[in-house]
Amino acid sequence: MKTIPYREAYIALKSQHCDENFARTRRVIFFEETTGLVEVQMAKARHIYDQIPPRSRDHATAWTDGDEFYVLCEPYSHGDIGKNPAGLVNIRLPHKLAPYCGMWDPDPDSEPRTISRLYTTEDNVSGLLAIKAKLQGVLKTALPWNTVK
């Protein structure tokens, strides 16, 4: 499975000068810097991706902390979201910290229509909890999801 890098797939395909792109770029960088994760080809995390229910795989990207792999899914369909397929664990990312956040709306009270979940194997639950702690540590100071800065 060949994948396109996150910035190319979800940012560069839109106008380079739209507010949605500015906010999304800011969130991707913030996600990378906060978690320490680095994007990799999906083939490296295929063992995780294949177990995630198909309706939950939208806007899927693969990441690594150097030792373990993760799959970030950011679907519009919320039907299977939150359920842990056998052998996997996941956390929901707060909108302020989620890279994609689909259906742009500049209204400060709005919320995106996507939900972001980071999946990994049950064997890596400690790695996932460490990422969750990092995200929670910056949540109070994070900008709203649709802030353009």
Foldseek 3Di string as FASTA:
>chain_A
DFDDDLCVPQQVVDDVPDLLNLLLVVLVVLLCVLLVKDWDTCVVVVVWLVQQPPQQADSWTWIDNVPFIKIKTKHLDCPRPPDAGPFKDKDKADLLNDNHQPDDDLPLPDGGSIIIMMMGGPVCVVSRVVSVVSRVVCVVVGDHSSDRD
